[in-house]
PDB file of N, CA and C in Angstrom:
ATOM      1  N   MET A   1      24.075   8.057 -64.160  1.00  0.00           N
ATOM      2  CA  MET A   1      24.027   6.615 -64.196  1.00  0.00           C
ATOM      3  C   MET A   1      22.945   6.181 -65.176  1.00  0.00           C
ATOM      4  N   ASN A   2      23.302   5.339 -66.092  1.00  0.00           N
ATOM      5  CA  ASN A   2      22.354   4.825 -67.065  1.00  0.00           C
ATOM      6  C   ASN A   2      21.842   3.461 -66.614  1.00  0.00           C
ATOM      7  N   PHE A   3      20.555   3.277 -66.781  1.00  0.00           N
ATOM      8  CA  PHE A   3      19.956   1.993 -66.431  1.00  0.00           C
ATOM      9  C   PHE A   3      19.853   1.083 -67.644  1.00  0.00           C
ATOM     10  N   THR A   4      19.852   1.678 -68.813  1.00  0.00           N
ATOM     11  CA  THR A   4      19.778   0.898 -70.050  1.00  0.00           C
ATOM     12  C   THR A   4      20.823   1.440 -71.022  1.00  0.00           C
ATOM     13  N   SER A   5      20.935   0.795 -72.130  1.00  0.00           N
ATOM     14  CA  SER A   5      21.855   1.275 -73.159  1.00  0.00           C
ATOM     15  C   SER A   5      21.100   2.070 -74.226  1.00  0.00           C
ATOM     16  N   SER A   6      19.882   2.484 -73.904  1.00  0.00           N
ATOM     17  CA  SER A   6      19.061   3.207 -74.865  1.00  0.00           C
ATOM     18  C   SER A   6      19.593   4.625 -75.065  1.00  0.00           C
ATOM     19  N   GLU A   7      19.583   5.075 -76.293  1.00  0.00           N
ATOM     20  CA  GLU A   7      20.017   6.434 -76.595  1.00  0.00           C
ATOM     21  C   GLU A   7      18.961   7.458 -76.200  1.00  0.00           C
ATOM     22  N   TYR A   8      17.757   7.005 -75.876  1.00  0.00           N
ATOM     23  CA  TYR A   8      16.673   7.900 -75.500  1.00  0.00           C
ATOM     24  C   TYR A   8      16.564   8.097 -73.989  1.00  0.00           C
ATOM     25  N   GLU A   9      17.409   7.462 -73.235  1.00  0.00           N
ATOM     26  CA  GLU A   9      17.317   7.555 -71.781  1.00  0.00           C
ATOM     27  C   GLU A   9      17.546   8.982 -71.289  1.00  0.00           C
ATOM     28  N   LYS A  10      18.454   9.699 -71.888  1.00  0.00           N
ATOM     29  CA  LYS A  10      18.703  11.088 -71.502  1.00  0.00           C
ATOM     30  C   LYS A  10      17.463  11.940 -71.759  1.00  0.00           C
ATOM     31  N   VAL A  11      16.799  11.722 -72.885  1.00  0.00           N
ATOM     32  CA  VAL A  11      15.602  12.479 -73.227  1.00  0.00           C
ATOM     33  C   VAL A  11      14.467  12.151 -72.258  1.00  0.00           C
ATOM     34  N   MET A  12      14.371  10.894 -71.845  1.00  0.00           N
ATOM     35  CA  MET A  12      13.295  10.501 -70.940  1.00  0.00           C
ATOM     36  C   MET A  12      13.485  11.095 -69.546  1.00  0.00           C
ATOM     37  N   ARG A  13      14.677  11.469 -69.170  1.00  0.00           N
ATOM     38  CA  ARG A  13      14.931  12.062 -67.864  1.00  0.00           C
ATOM     39  C   ARG A  13      14.641  13.558 -67.824  1.00  0.00           C
ATOM     40  N   GLU A  14      14.570  14.194 -68.971  1.00  0.00           N
ATOM     41  CA  GLU A  14      14.323  15.633 -69.029  1.00  0.00           C
ATOM     42  C   GLU A  14      12.877  15.933 -68.631  1.00  0.00           C
ATOM     43  N   PRO A  15      12.658  17.057 -67.940  1.00  0.00           N
ATOM     44  CA  PRO A  15      11.269  17.424 -67.609  1.00  0.00           C
ATOM     45  C   PRO A  15      10.501  17.762 -68.882  1.00  0.00           C
ATOM     46  N   PRO A  16       9.217  17.467 -68.910  1.00  0.00           N
ATOM     47  CA  PRO A  16       8.435  17.753 -70.123  1.00  0.00           C
ATOM     48  C   PRO A  16       8.330  19.251 -70.377  1.00  0.00           C
ATOM     49  N   GLN A  17       8.357  19.611 -71.633  1.00  0.00           N
ATOM     50  CA  GLN A  17       8.229  21.014 -72.040  1.00  0.00           C
ATOM     51  C   GLN A  17       6.753  21.328 -72.249  1.00  0.00           C
ATOM     52  N   PRO A  18       6.301  22.488 -71.800  1.00  0.00           N
ATOM     53  CA  PRO A  18       4.886  22.829 -72.009  1.00  0.00           C
ATOM     54  C   PRO A  18       4.577  22.988 -73.495  1.00  0.00           C
ATOM     55  N   GLU A  19       3.417  22.486 -73.873  1.00  0.00           N
ATOM     56  CA  GLU A  19       2.995  22.587 -75.265  1.00  0.00           C
ATOM     57  C   GLU A  19       2.194  23.870 -75.458  1.00  0.00           C
ATOM     58  N   ALA A  20       2.127  24.294 -76.685  1.00  0.00           N
ATOM     59  CA  ALA A  20       1.326  25.477 -76.998  1.00  0.00           C
ATOM     60  C   ALA A  20      -0.142  25.150 -76.759  1.00  0.00           C
ATOM     61  N   PRO A  21      -0.895  26.073 -76.187  1.00  0.00           N
ATOM     62  CA  PRO A  21      -2.311  25.790 -75.940  1.00  0.00           C
ATOM     63  C   PRO A  21      -3.073  25.627 -77.240  1.00  0.00           C
ATOM     64  N   ALA A  22      -4.070  24.765 -77.198  1.00  0.00           N
ATOM     65  CA  ALA A  22      -4.897  24.548 -78.376  1.00  0.00           C
ATOM     66  C   ALA A  22      -5.737  25.795 -78.627  1.00  0.00           C
ATOM     67  N   PRO A  23      -5.936  26.134 -79.884  1.00  0.00           N
ATOM     68  CA  PRO A  23      -6.749  27.316 -80.158  1.00  0.00           C
ATOM     69  C   PRO A  23      -8.164  27.116 -79.627  1.00  0.00           C
ATOM     70  N   SER A  24      -8.638  28.098 -78.897  1.00  0.00           N
ATOM     71  CA  SER A  24      -9.980  27.993 -78.350  1.00  0.00           C
ATOM     72  C   SER A  24     -10.869  29.017 -79.017  1.00  0.00           C
ATOM     73  N   GLY A  25     -12.057  28.636 -79.293  1.00  0.00           N
ATOM     74  CA  GLY A  25     -13.003  29.551 -79.907  1.00  0.00           C
ATOM     75  C   GLY A  25     -13.172  29.285 -81.384  1.00  0.00           C
ATOM     76  N   ALA A  26     -14.225  29.847 -81.901  1.00  0.00           N
ATOM     77  CA  ALA A  26     -14.565  29.669 -83.306  1.00  0.00           C
ATOM     78  C   ALA A  26     -13.635  30.494 -84.189  1.00  0.00           C
ATOM     79  N   PRO A  27     -13.489  30.101 -85.441  1.00  0.00           N
ATOM     80  CA  PRO A  27     -12.657  30.881 -86.363  1.00  0.00           C
ATOM     81  C   PRO A  27     -13.250  32.266 -86.600  1.00  0.00           C
ATOM     82  N   ASP A  28     -12.400  33.218 -86.922  1.00  0.00           N
ATOM     83  CA  ASP A  28     -12.859  34.578 -87.185  1.00  0.00           C
ATOM     84  C   ASP A  28     -13.857  34.590 -88.342  1.00  0.00           C
ATOM     85  N   GLY A  29     -14.887  35.400 -88.194  1.00  0.00           N
ATOM     86  CA  GLY A  29     -15.905  35.521 -89.233  1.00  0.00           C
ATOM     87  C   GLY A  29     -17.034  34.520 -89.095  1.00  0.00           C
ATOM     88  N   CYS A  30     -16.921  33.568 -88.206  1.00  0.00           N
ATOM     89  CA  CYS A  30     -17.957  32.561 -87.996  1.00  0.00           C
ATOM     90  C   CYS A  30     -19.028  33.140 -87.073  1.00  0.00           C
ATOM     91  N   ARG A  31     -20.268  32.741 -87.226  1.00  0.00           N
ATOM     92  CA  ARG A  31     -21.327  33.256 -86.356  1.00  0.00           C
ATOM     93  C   ARG A  31     -21.179  32.756 -84.931  1.00  0.00           C
ATOM     94  N   CYS A  32     -20.317  31.790 -84.692  1.00  0.00           N
ATOM     95  CA  CYS A  32     -20.129  31.210 -83.365  1.00  0.00           C
ATOM     96  C   CYS A  32     -19.039  31.909 -82.541  1.00  0.00           C
ATOM     97  N   VAL A  33     -18.429  32.958 -83.058  1.00  0.00           N
ATOM     98  CA  VAL A  33     -17.383  33.665 -82.326  1.00  0.00           C
ATOM     99  C   VAL A  33     -17.961  34.209 -81.024  1.00  0.00           C
ATOM    100  N   GLY A  34     -17.329  33.866 -79.911  1.00  0.00           N
ATOM    101  CA  GLY A  34     -17.772  34.334 -78.601  1.00  0.00           C
ATOM    102  C   GLY A  34     -18.845  33.477 -77.965  1.00  0.00           C
ATOM    103  N   CYS A  35     -19.273  32.433 -78.594  1.00  0.00           N
ATOM    104  CA  CYS A  35     -20.327  31.578 -78.055  1.00  0.00           C
ATOM    105  C   CYS A  35     -19.756  30.668 -76.964  1.00  0.00           C
ATOM    106  N   PRO A  36     -20.381  30.641 -75.779  1.00  0.00           N
ATOM    107  CA  PRO A  36     -19.885  29.768 -74.711  1.00  0.00           C
ATOM    108  C   PRO A  36     -20.152  28.293 -74.981  1.00  0.00           C
ATOM    109  N   TYR A  37     -20.959  27.990 -75.986  1.00  0.00           N
ATOM    110  CA  TYR A  37     -21.288  26.596 -76.294  1.00  0.00           C
ATOM    111  C   TYR A  37     -20.415  26.016 -77.403  1.00  0.00           C
ATOM    112  N   TRP A  38     -19.415  26.760 -77.861  1.00  0.00           N
ATOM    113  CA  TRP A  38     -18.525  26.310 -78.943  1.00  0.00           C
ATOM    114  C   TRP A  38     -17.762  25.069 -78.499  1.00  0.00           C
ATOM    115  N   ARG A  39     -17.845  23.984 -79.277  1.00  0.00           N
ATOM    116  CA  ARG A  39     -17.145  22.740 -78.986  1.00  0.00           C
ATOM    117  C   ARG A  39     -16.381  22.221 -80.195  1.00  0.00           C
ATOM    118  N   GLY A  40     -16.022  23.097 -81.105  1.00  0.00           N
ATOM    119  CA  GLY A  40     -15.219  22.698 -82.253  1.00  0.00           C
ATOM    120  C   GLY A  40     -15.992  22.603 -83.542  1.00  0.00           C
ATOM    121  N   ILE A  41     -17.312  22.532 -83.460  1.00  0.00           N
ATOM    122  CA  ILE A  41     -18.139  22.521 -84.670  1.00  0.00           C
ATOM    123  C   ILE A  41     -19.341  23.423 -84.423  1.00  0.00           C
ATOM    124  N   MET A  42     -19.938  23.890 -85.513  1.00  0.00           N
ATOM    125  CA  MET A  42     -21.117  24.739 -85.385  1.00  0.00           C
ATOM    126  C   MET A  42     -22.317  23.889 -84.987  1.00  0.00           C
ATOM    127  N   CYS A  43     -23.225  24.468 -84.216  1.00  0.00           N
ATOM    128  CA  CYS A  43     -24.448  23.782 -83.802  1.00  0.00           C
ATOM    129  C   CYS A  43     -25.419  23.703 -84.977  1.00  0.00           C
ATOM    130  N   VAL A  44     -26.291  22.712 -84.944  1.00  0.00           N
ATOM    131  CA  VAL A  44     -27.317  22.610 -85.974  1.00  0.00           C
ATOM    132  C   VAL A  44     -28.278  23.787 -85.837  1.00  0.00           C
ATOM    133  N   SER A  45     -28.711  24.054 -84.623  1.00  0.00           N
ATOM    134  CA  SER A  45     -29.494  25.258 -84.341  1.00  0.00           C
ATOM    135  C   SER A  45     -28.773  25.981 -83.205  1.00  0.00           C
ATOM    136  N   CYS A  46     -28.647  27.272 -83.340  1.00  0.00           N
ATOM    137  CA  CYS A  46     -27.821  28.060 -82.430  1.00  0.00           C
ATOM    138  C   CYS A  46     -28.411  28.071 -81.020  1.00  0.00           C
ATOM    139  N   TYR A  47     -27.628  27.631 -80.042  1.00  0.00           N
ATOM    140  CA  TYR A  47     -28.080  27.613 -78.653  1.00  0.00           C
ATOM    141  C   TYR A  47     -28.331  29.016 -78.124  1.00  0.00           C
ATOM    142  N   ARG A  48     -27.498  29.955 -78.516  1.00  0.00           N
ATOM    143  CA  ARG A  48     -27.702  31.332 -78.044  1.00  0.00           C
ATOM    144  C   ARG A  48     -29.050  31.864 -78.500  1.00  0.00           C
ATOM    145  N   ASP A  49     -29.422  31.611 -79.758  1.00  0.00           N
ATOM    146  CA  ASP A  49     -30.712  32.065 -80.267  1.00  0.00           C
ATOM    147  C   ASP A  49     -31.854  31.346 -79.569  1.00  0.00           C
ATOM    148  N   LEU A  50     -31.693  30.052 -79.307  1.00  0.00           N
ATOM    149  CA  LEU A  50     -32.744  29.301 -78.629  1.00  0.00           C
ATOM    150  C   LEU A  50     -32.940  29.781 -77.194  1.00  0.00           C
ATOM    151  N   LEU A  51     -31.861  30.085 -76.490  1.00  0.00           N
ATOM    152  CA  LEU A  51     -31.953  30.527 -75.103  1.00  0.00           C
ATOM    153  C   LEU A  51     -32.505  31.943 -74.969  1.00  0.00           C
ATOM    154  N   LYS A  52     -32.370  32.761 -76.002  1.00  0.00           N
ATOM    155  CA  LYS A  52     -32.922  34.116 -75.963  1.00  0.00           C
ATOM    156  C   LYS A  52     -34.447  34.083 -75.860  1.00  0.00           C
ATOM    157  N   GLY A  53     -35.078  33.072 -76.467  1.00  0.00           N
ATOM    158  CA  GLY A  53     -36.521  32.992 -76.485  1.00  0.00           C
ATOM    159  C   GLY A  53     -37.124  32.349 -75.244  1.00  0.00           C
ATOM    160  N   LEU A  54     -36.318  31.766 -74.371  1.00  0.00           N
ATOM    161  CA  LEU A  54     -36.854  31.106 -73.176  1.00  0.00           C
ATOM    162  C   LEU A  54     -37.186  32.122 -72.093  1.00  0.00           C
ATOM    163  N   PRO A  55     -38.304  31.916 -71.378  1.00  0.00           N
ATOM    164  CA  PRO A  55     -38.621  32.816 -70.268  1.00  0.00           C
ATOM    165  C   PRO A  55     -37.676  32.580 -69.100  1.00  0.00           C
ATOM    166  N   ARG A  56     -37.340  33.642 -68.396  1.00  0.00           N
ATOM    167  CA  ARG A  56     -36.431  33.556 -67.247  1.00  0.00           C
ATOM    168  C   ARG A  56     -37.184  33.036 -66.033  1.00  0.00           C
ATOM    169  N   GLY A  57     -36.462  32.386 -65.107  1.00  0.00           N
ATOM    170  CA  GLY A  57     -37.059  31.935 -63.856  1.00  0.00           C
ATOM    171  C   GLY A  57     -37.409  33.116 -62.974  1.00  0.00           C
ATOM    172  N   ARG A  58     -38.237  32.884 -61.994  1.00  0.00           N
ATOM    173  CA  ARG A  58     -38.700  33.982 -61.128  1.00  0.00           C
ATOM    174  C   ARG A  58     -37.670  34.420 -60.191  1.00  0.00           C
TER     175      ARG A  58
END
């Protein structure tokens, strides 16, 4: 049963198809590969290097 005369009504009734996941992680060869702080751009100063120098809690 059609509610409108739209040619897209059949398409709107179909369940959505899953999209390909967005690439996660830094590009190969970048110093940020494997960094948990990667957000799509390189940091001004590397968080991993900064956190290495901090003293650990007791």
